[in-house]
């Protein structure tokens, strides 16, 4: 799905929270993805990336009468696995819904390094887990591509996303930037049964639409092929 790094086998270790995390690449053992993604058998030479090699960010945006007093937020997912098959370009991914952390605050697109106190960060993170994502009930977010179409160094990825127990089709444009592949997709929270957060009787609200950004290393692939199910 890219041009550079050679495929490697991946093994897993446990993160401090107990969620699977990638360990150092191995060439001796097959990798069997966790969750529902790998029950059909062992998969060899499928590059799988975690937080050490890849990134996943969620950007939220404010609205409402008092929105100038609030901040936009960048949230980072800190526990996940993303697998890309270099032969078919098929993508599977799983994300720990309990692992979102506040990365920074934004205002008018500009980072506010000291915009959020440590206490506010903890409060926001707890609210996301408890009230927004219902993560104790739905701890895992899953994605499986159904079609990947290569267009030069870019791709269109379509697939099924399961979030808070609801599955919807989503589509993302993937661009190659230097030695990375970067995808962006806009998700509408009500499509997944999520009520956007609001405070002060709705005077400050989070917009229904959030922007998800994913970045993984470019890998050896065969862009002429397409994956569809």
Protein backbone atom coordinates (compact mmCIF):
# COMPACT_ATOMS: atom_id res chain seq x y z
CA UNK A 1 0.00 0.00 0.00
CA UNK A 2 2.94 2.27 -0.49
CA UNK A 3 6.50 2.06 -1.65
CA UNK A 4 9.10 1.71 1.06
CA UNK A 5 9.49 -0.56 4.09
CA UNK A 6 9.68 -4.33 3.55
CA UNK A 7 6.93 -6.42 5.13
CA UNK A 8 7.74 -7.83 8.55
CA UNK A 9 6.01 -10.23 10.88
CA UNK A 10 4.76 -8.74 14.13
CA UNK A 11 4.39 -10.18 17.57
CA UNK A 12 2.39 -8.74 20.45
CA UNK A 13 2.99 -7.87 24.05
CA UNK A 14 0.67 -6.40 26.63
CA UNK A 15 0.40 -2.68 27.28
CA UNK A 16 0.35 -1.41 30.88
CA UNK A 17 -3.46 -1.37 30.68
CA UNK A 18 -3.59 -4.98 29.51
CA UNK A 19 -4.52 -4.21 25.89
CA UNK A 20 -2.42 -5.95 23.19
CA UNK A 21 0.52 -3.90 21.97
CA UNK A 22 3.12 -4.56 19.29
CA UNK A 23 6.51 -5.82 20.34
CA UNK A 24 9.67 -5.78 18.23
CA UNK A 25 9.19 -7.21 14.71
CA UNK A 26 10.00 -10.90 14.35
CA UNK A 27 10.77 -13.01 11.29
CA UNK A 28 10.37 -16.34 13.07
CA UNK A 29 6.75 -16.50 14.15
CA UNK A 30 3.41 -15.86 12.41
CA UNK A 31 1.16 -13.07 13.65
CA UNK A 32 -2.46 -13.84 14.41
CA UNK A 33 -4.45 -10.61 14.80
CA UNK A 34 -6.60 -10.38 17.92
CA UNK A 35 -10.31 -9.78 18.29
CA UNK A 36 -12.55 -10.96 15.47
CA UNK A 37 -10.06 -10.22 12.72
CA UNK A 38 -7.89 -13.32 12.70
CA UNK A 39 -10.02 -16.31 13.57
CA UNK A 40 -9.68 -17.94 10.15
CA UNK A 41 -6.03 -18.92 10.59
CA UNK A 42 -2.47 -17.70 10.67
CA UNK A 43 -1.46 -14.83 8.45
CA UNK A 44 2.15 -14.54 7.34
CA UNK A 45 4.04 -11.37 6.46
CA UNK A 46 1.12 -9.01 7.09
CA UNK A 47 2.60 -5.75 8.41
CA UNK A 48 0.77 -4.71 11.56
CA UNK A 49 1.36 -1.34 13.18
CA UNK A 50 0.70 -0.07 16.69
CA UNK A 51 1.26 3.28 18.43
CA UNK A 52 5.05 2.91 18.17
CA UNK A 53 4.95 3.09 14.36
CA UNK A 54 1.56 4.62 13.54
CA UNK A 55 -0.77 7.28 14.89
CA UNK A 56 -4.51 7.83 15.18
CA UNK A 57 -5.94 11.21 16.12
CA UNK A 58 -9.51 12.42 16.57
CA UNK A 59 -10.24 16.13 16.19
CA UNK A 60 -13.38 17.56 17.77
CA UNK A 61 -14.80 21.02 17.05
CA UNK A 62 -16.95 23.28 19.20
CA UNK A 63 -20.15 25.17 18.37
CA UNK A 64 -22.85 27.07 20.25
CA UNK A 65 -23.45 30.53 21.63
CA UNK A 66 -20.49 30.37 24.02
CA UNK A 67 -18.18 28.37 21.77
CA UNK A 68 -15.60 31.22 21.62
CA UNK A 69 -14.91 30.48 25.29
CA UNK A 70 -14.16 26.79 24.62
CA UNK A 71 -11.50 24.87 22.69
CA UNK A 72 -11.32 22.44 19.84
CA UNK A 73 -9.49 19.27 20.89
CA UNK A 74 -6.99 16.82 19.45
CA UNK A 75 -7.43 13.37 20.99
CA UNK A 76 -4.88 10.60 20.52
CA UNK A 77 -5.74 6.90 20.49
CA UNK A 78 -2.97 5.20 22.46
CA UNK A 79 -3.80 1.48 21.98
CA UNK A 80 -4.56 0.04 18.55
CA UNK A 81 -3.45 -2.31 15.77
CA UNK A 82 -3.67 -1.60 12.04
CA UNK A 83 -2.89 -4.39 9.55
CA UNK A 84 -2.34 -3.89 5.82
CA UNK A 85 -2.05 -6.77 3.36
CA UNK A 86 0.56 -5.72 0.76
CA UNK A 87 -0.84 -8.18 -1.82
CA UNK A 88 -4.49 -7.08 -1.76
CA UNK A 89 -4.24 -3.75 0.12
CA UNK A 90 -6.92 -5.02 2.52
CA UNK A 91 -6.97 -3.09 5.81
CA UNK A 92 -8.14 -4.30 9.20
CA UNK A 93 -7.87 -2.34 12.43
CA UNK A 94 -8.94 -2.43 16.05
CA UNK A 95 -8.81 0.43 18.53
CA UNK A 96 -9.22 0.46 22.30
CA UNK A 97 -12.06 2.90 23.01
CA UNK A 98 -10.73 3.34 26.55
CA UNK A 99 -7.37 4.63 25.34
CA UNK A 100 -8.25 8.11 24.05
CA UNK A 101 -6.13 10.83 25.62
CA UNK A 102 -6.27 14.61 25.24
CA UNK A 103 -3.26 15.61 23.15
CA UNK A 104 -3.79 19.35 22.94
CA UNK A 105 -6.31 22.16 22.63
CA UNK A 106 -6.81 24.20 19.46
CA UNK A 107 -8.32 27.56 18.73
CA UNK A 108 -8.77 28.67 15.12
CA UNK A 109 -6.49 25.81 14.14
CA UNK A 110 -3.64 26.93 16.38
CA UNK A 111 -2.21 24.78 19.15
CA UNK A 112 -2.67 26.09 22.69
CA UNK A 113 0.15 24.40 24.66
CA UNK A 114 -1.27 25.35 28.06
CA UNK A 115 -4.91 25.50 27.04
CA UNK A 116 -6.08 22.62 29.24
CA UNK A 117 -5.16 21.87 32.84
CA UNK A 118 -4.24 18.37 33.98
CA UNK A 119 -7.51 18.14 35.90
CA UNK A 120 -9.56 19.15 32.87
CA UNK A 121 -7.72 16.56 30.76
CA UNK A 122 -8.64 13.80 33.18
CA UNK A 123 -12.24 14.98 33.30
CA UNK A 124 -12.55 15.11 29.50
CA UNK A 125 -10.99 11.67 29.09
CA UNK A 126 -13.31 10.16 31.67
CA UNK A 127 -16.34 11.75 30.01
CA UNK A 128 -15.34 10.35 26.62
CA UNK A 129 -14.92 6.84 27.99
CA UNK A 130 -18.05 6.87 30.15
CA UNK A 131 -20.60 9.06 28.38
CA UNK A 132 -19.56 9.44 24.74
CA UNK A 133 -18.15 6.06 23.70
CA UNK A 134 -19.70 3.90 26.45
CA UNK A 135 -16.33 2.17 26.39
CA UNK A 136 -16.96 -0.17 29.29
CA UNK A 137 -19.80 -1.70 27.29
CA UNK A 138 -18.15 -1.32 23.86
CA UNK A 139 -14.39 -1.42 24.54
CA UNK A 140 -13.28 -2.11 20.98
CA UNK A 141 -13.71 -0.12 17.78
CA UNK A 142 -13.19 -2.23 14.65
CA UNK A 143 -12.67 -1.52 10.96
CA UNK A 144 -12.44 -3.92 8.01
CA UNK A 145 -12.06 -2.72 4.44
CA UNK A 146 -14.38 -4.02 1.76
CA UNK A 147 -12.78 -2.25 -1.19
CA UNK A 148 -9.43 -0.53 -1.72
CA UNK A 149 -8.82 1.16 -5.04
CA UNK A 150 -5.32 2.35 -5.92
CA UNK A 151 -4.87 5.54 -7.95
CA UNK A 152 -1.17 6.16 -8.39
CA UNK A 153 0.25 6.93 -4.94
CA UNK A 154 -3.21 7.51 -3.46
CA UNK A 155 -6.01 5.13 -2.48
CA UNK A 156 -9.69 5.13 -1.77
CA UNK A 157 -10.52 2.84 1.14
CA UNK A 158 -14.11 1.77 1.80
CA UNK A 159 -15.10 -0.48 4.64
CA UNK A 160 -17.25 -1.20 7.67
CA UNK A 161 -16.62 0.59 10.94
CA UNK A 162 -18.09 -0.73 14.19
CA UNK A 163 -18.35 1.91 16.90
CA UNK A 164 -20.46 1.76 20.08
CA UNK A 165 -21.96 -1.47 18.81
CA UNK A 166 -23.19 -0.02 15.50
CA UNK A 167 -21.68 -0.81 12.13
CA UNK A 168 -21.68 1.70 9.29
CA UNK A 169 -19.90 1.99 5.94
CA UNK A 170 -17.22 4.66 5.76
CA UNK A 171 -14.88 5.86 3.04
CA UNK A 172 -11.45 7.46 3.41
CA UNK A 173 -8.97 9.01 1.02
CA UNK A 174 -5.39 7.87 1.63
CA UNK A 175 -2.44 9.92 0.44
CA UNK A 176 1.25 9.09 0.41
CA UNK A 177 3.37 11.78 2.05
CA UNK A 178 7.10 11.02 2.00
CA UNK A 179 7.45 7.61 3.70
CA UNK A 180 3.98 7.69 5.30
CA UNK A 181 0.44 6.87 4.24
CA UNK A 182 -2.08 9.29 5.74
CA UNK A 183 -5.84 8.88 5.80
CA UNK A 184 -8.60 11.24 6.86
CA UNK A 185 -12.26 10.44 7.39
CA UNK A 186 -15.11 12.49 8.79
CA UNK A 187 -17.43 10.58 11.11
CA UNK A 188 -20.86 11.81 12.15
CA UNK A 189 -21.43 10.82 15.77
CA UNK A 190 -25.26 10.40 15.55
CA UNK A 191 -24.76 7.77 12.82
CA UNK A 192 -23.33 5.56 15.57
CA UNK A 193 -25.93 6.47 18.17
CA UNK A 194 -23.61 8.95 19.91
CA UNK A 195 -25.06 12.16 21.30
CA UNK A 196 -22.43 14.90 20.93
CA UNK A 197 -21.26 16.34 24.24
CA UNK A 198 -22.85 19.60 25.37
CA UNK A 199 -22.60 21.84 28.43
CA UNK A 200 -24.27 24.92 29.86
CA UNK A 201 -27.67 23.96 28.44
CA UNK A 202 -26.21 23.60 24.97
CA UNK A 203 -24.44 26.95 24.90
CA UNK A 204 -21.22 24.98 24.33
CA UNK A 205 -21.44 21.86 22.18
CA UNK A 206 -19.22 19.51 20.28
CA UNK A 207 -20.16 19.41 16.61
CA UNK A 208 -21.65 16.12 15.41
CA UNK A 209 -18.83 15.68 12.90
CA UNK A 210 -15.36 14.65 14.07
CA UNK A 211 -12.24 14.27 11.94
CA UNK A 212 -10.16 11.10 12.27
CA UNK A 213 -6.57 11.09 11.04
CA UNK A 214 -4.52 7.91 10.68
CA UNK A 215 -0.87 7.67 9.66
CA UNK A 216 1.09 4.45 9.01
CA UNK A 217 4.46 3.71 7.39
CA UNK A 218 4.35 3.12 3.65
CA UNK A 219 4.90 -0.54 2.81
CA UNK A 220 5.85 -2.60 -0.22
CA UNK A 221 2.68 -3.08 -2.21
CA UNK A 222 1.18 -3.79 -5.63
CA UNK A 223 -0.84 -0.64 -6.47
CA UNK A 224 -2.28 -2.13 -9.67
CA UNK A 225 -4.36 -4.60 -7.66
CA UNK A 226 -7.66 -3.88 -5.99
CA UNK A 227 -9.26 -5.44 -2.96
CA UNK A 228 -12.99 -5.91 -2.70
CA UNK A 229 -15.30 -8.22 -0.83
